[in-house]
Amino acid sequence: MAWADEAQAQKAWTLDRDGKMEAVLSEELPDEPGLRRIVRVTVRTSDASNQLYLEPDVSVKGWITSLPAAVASEQQIMALYSDHVTSEQFHSEFKTDLGLNRLPSGKFNTNNLVMAFATLGYNLLRWMGPEAHRPGRTSTPSGKTSSPEDSDAGADDHGLPHSSRQWLL
């Protein structure tokens, strides 16, 4: 509640809707020259459908940045870091889904090659996910999918579908 009290003292509250108010506070860190702390305090006394809470719900989110206020405002800093979670999620998926929690070698060039192939595989899988479910693709009784532009597709000697398209990598 200290940040909520600070927001009250600075009269920094904005009313987003009935039952929800926010304040954005910024301060220079005295122990760390060149760093500033940005804090967003949200107090909810009801939910979006105006159901009242027994006690206010107070949430605090904070950011520490070296970007000076002249370069980036508090709102710009919050927007900049809001997409950071998505980046961390992709990084986590890359490591866990491809089994790269530990790299296979102590040699940089070997690990670099492994990471390059893993990146290619990861990007192909990310591309194939939405591509397999895009509108216009139909499923046949055998479970195979087709789309109108695959009309020139045939099968190779092993019965695997192929297309007359050429892929350059």
Protein backbone atom coordinates (compact mmCIF):
# COMPACT_ATOMS: atom_id res chain seq x y z
CA MET A 1 0.00 0.00 0.00
CA ALA A 2 3.01 2.32 0.19
CA TRP A 3 2.85 3.01 -3.57
CA ALA A 4 -0.90 3.66 -3.38
CA ASP A 5 -0.26 6.11 -0.54
CA GLU A 6 2.46 7.79 -2.62
CA ALA A 7 0.07 8.09 -5.57
CA GLN A 8 -2.53 9.62 -3.27
CA ALA A 9 0.01 12.13 -1.92
CA GLN A 10 0.99 13.14 -5.48
CA LYS A 11 -2.67 13.21 -6.64
CA ALA A 12 -1.60 11.06 -9.58
CA TRP A 13 -4.77 8.96 -9.90
CA THR A 14 -6.67 8.64 -13.16
CA LEU A 15 -10.10 7.03 -13.29
CA ASP A 16 -10.27 4.38 -16.04
CA ARG A 17 -13.82 3.30 -15.24
CA ASP A 18 -16.06 3.17 -12.19
CA GLY A 19 -14.26 1.04 -9.64
CA LYS A 20 -10.80 1.22 -11.24
CA MET A 21 -8.14 3.87 -10.89
CA GLU A 22 -4.50 3.93 -11.92
CA ALA A 23 -1.46 6.02 -11.16
CA VAL A 24 1.94 6.06 -12.83
CA LEU A 25 4.83 7.22 -10.68
CA SER A 26 8.44 7.79 -11.64
CA GLU A 27 11.49 8.42 -9.51
CA GLU A 28 15.25 8.54 -9.92
CA LEU A 29 17.07 5.86 -7.94
CA PRO A 30 19.39 7.61 -5.49
CA ASP A 31 21.70 4.60 -5.08
CA GLU A 32 22.04 4.01 -8.82
CA PRO A 33 22.83 7.15 -10.84
CA GLY A 34 21.24 7.16 -14.29
CA LEU A 35 18.48 4.69 -13.37
CA ARG A 36 14.86 5.46 -12.74
CA ARG A 37 11.98 3.40 -11.42
CA ILE A 38 8.54 3.56 -12.99
CA VAL A 39 5.63 2.14 -11.03
CA ARG A 40 2.03 1.65 -12.17
CA VAL A 41 -0.41 1.24 -9.29
CA THR A 42 -3.90 -0.05 -10.05
CA VAL A 43 -6.67 -0.08 -7.44
CA ARG A 44 -9.90 -1.90 -8.25
CA THR A 45 -12.95 -1.63 -6.00
CA SER A 46 -15.22 -3.50 -8.43
CA ASP A 47 -14.93 -5.67 -11.50
CA ALA A 48 -15.85 -4.64 -15.04
CA SER A 49 -19.53 -5.51 -14.45
CA ASN A 50 -19.57 -3.27 -11.31
CA GLN A 51 -19.61 -6.16 -8.82
CA LEU A 52 -18.10 -4.60 -5.69
CA TYR A 53 -15.14 -6.19 -3.93
CA LEU A 54 -15.06 -6.60 -0.15
CA GLU A 55 -11.56 -5.09 -0.12
CA PRO A 56 -9.83 -3.06 -2.81
CA ASP A 57 -7.60 -5.08 -5.12
CA VAL A 58 -4.25 -3.29 -5.38
CA SER A 59 -1.73 -4.34 -8.03
CA VAL A 60 1.70 -2.86 -8.60
CA LYS A 61 3.88 -3.27 -11.69
CA GLY A 62 7.34 -1.81 -11.86
CA TRP A 63 10.10 -1.14 -14.36
CA ILE A 64 13.66 0.02 -13.88
CA THR A 65 15.26 1.67 -16.89
CA SER A 66 18.35 3.59 -17.85
CA LEU A 67 16.47 5.56 -20.50
CA PRO A 68 16.22 9.18 -19.32
CA ALA A 69 12.83 10.91 -19.14
CA ALA A 70 13.91 13.23 -21.98
CA VAL A 71 14.26 10.21 -24.28
CA ALA A 72 11.26 8.10 -23.26
CA SER A 73 8.18 8.89 -21.20
CA GLU A 74 6.72 6.53 -18.62
CA GLN A 75 4.07 5.38 -21.10
CA GLN A 76 6.72 4.66 -23.75
CA ILE A 77 8.78 2.64 -21.26
CA MET A 78 5.77 0.55 -20.24
CA ALA A 79 4.89 -0.09 -23.90
CA LEU A 80 8.50 -0.98 -24.70
CA TYR A 81 8.66 -3.60 -21.96
CA SER A 82 5.13 -4.96 -22.45
CA ASP A 83 6.25 -7.03 -25.45
CA HIS A 84 9.27 -8.33 -23.53
CA VAL A 85 7.18 -11.22 -22.18
CA THR A 86 6.45 -12.43 -25.71
CA SER A 87 10.16 -12.44 -26.49
CA GLU A 88 10.87 -14.44 -23.33
CA GLN A 89 8.12 -16.91 -24.29
CA PHE A 90 9.65 -17.50 -27.72
CA HIS A 91 13.08 -17.93 -26.13
CA SER A 92 11.69 -20.50 -23.69
CA GLU A 93 9.88 -22.39 -26.47
CA PHE A 94 13.03 -22.40 -28.57
CA LYS A 95 15.06 -23.95 -25.77
CA THR A 96 12.58 -26.47 -24.39
CA ASP A 97 10.70 -27.58 -27.52
CA LEU A 98 13.90 -28.15 -29.49
CA GLY A 99 15.81 -29.76 -26.62
CA LEU A 100 18.40 -27.01 -26.40
CA ASN A 101 18.44 -26.48 -22.65
CA ARG A 102 22.10 -27.45 -22.84
CA LEU A 103 24.17 -27.04 -25.97
CA PRO A 104 25.86 -30.23 -27.20
CA SER A 105 29.44 -29.03 -27.44
CA GLY A 106 32.00 -26.85 -25.77
CA LYS A 107 33.06 -25.49 -29.16
CA PHE A 108 31.50 -22.24 -30.31
CA ASN A 109 31.37 -23.12 -34.03
CA THR A 110 29.60 -26.42 -33.35
CA ASN A 111 27.02 -24.77 -31.11
CA ASN A 112 26.60 -21.98 -33.65
CA LEU A 113 25.75 -24.54 -36.34
CA VAL A 114 23.33 -26.37 -34.02
CA MET A 115 21.60 -23.08 -33.18
CA ALA A 116 21.38 -22.12 -36.88
CA PHE A 117 19.66 -25.41 -37.77
CA ALA A 118 17.44 -25.16 -34.69
CA THR A 119 16.43 -21.64 -35.72
CA LEU A 120 15.55 -22.86 -39.21
CA GLY A 121 13.51 -25.75 -37.78
CA TYR A 122 11.77 -23.53 -35.24
CA ASN A 123 10.83 -20.94 -37.86
CA LEU A 124 9.54 -23.65 -40.20
CA LEU A 125 7.39 -25.11 -37.43
CA ARG A 126 6.04 -21.66 -36.55
CA TRP A 127 5.24 -21.04 -40.21
CA MET A 128 3.63 -24.46 -40.71
CA GLY A 129 1.30 -24.11 -37.70
CA PRO A 130 -0.92 -21.33 -39.08
CA GLU A 131 -0.40 -22.51 -42.67
CA ALA A 132 -1.98 -25.90 -41.88
CA HIS A 133 -5.10 -24.23 -40.45
CA ARG A 134 -5.59 -21.39 -42.91
CA PRO A 135 -9.04 -20.85 -44.48
CA GLY A 136 -9.68 -22.62 -47.77
CA ARG A 137 -7.97 -25.86 -46.81
CA THR A 138 -10.31 -28.84 -46.79
CA SER A 139 -9.91 -32.24 -45.22
CA THR A 140 -10.54 -35.39 -47.26
CA PRO A 141 -11.99 -38.59 -45.75
CA SER A 142 -8.46 -39.99 -45.55
CA GLY A 143 -7.49 -37.09 -43.28
CA LYS A 144 -5.29 -35.40 -45.87
CA THR A 145 -5.69 -31.67 -46.33
CA SER A 146 -5.83 -29.88 -49.63
CA SER A 147 -6.43 -26.40 -50.87
CA PRO A 148 -7.43 -25.00 -54.26
CA GLU A 149 -3.87 -24.07 -55.20
CA ASP A 150 -2.70 -27.66 -54.52
CA SER A 151 -4.62 -28.95 -57.56
CA ASP A 152 -1.34 -29.67 -59.36
CA ALA A 153 -0.18 -31.90 -56.51
CA GLY A 154 0.62 -35.52 -57.21
CA ALA A 155 2.34 -38.34 -55.39
CA ASP A 156 5.89 -39.57 -55.64
CA ASP A 157 6.98 -43.22 -55.86
CA HIS A 158 6.42 -43.67 -52.10
CA GLY A 159 2.85 -42.30 -52.13
CA LEU A 160 3.92 -39.05 -50.47
CA PRO A 161 2.18 -35.94 -51.78
CA HIS A 162 4.26 -33.43 -53.65
CA SER A 163 3.67 -30.29 -55.60
CA SER A 164 5.15 -28.91 -58.79
CA ARG A 165 6.33 -25.87 -56.80
CA GLN A 166 10.04 -25.51 -56.22
CA TRP A 167 11.43 -24.40 -52.90
CA LEU A 168 14.64 -22.44 -52.72
CA LEU A 169 16.35 -22.35 -49.35
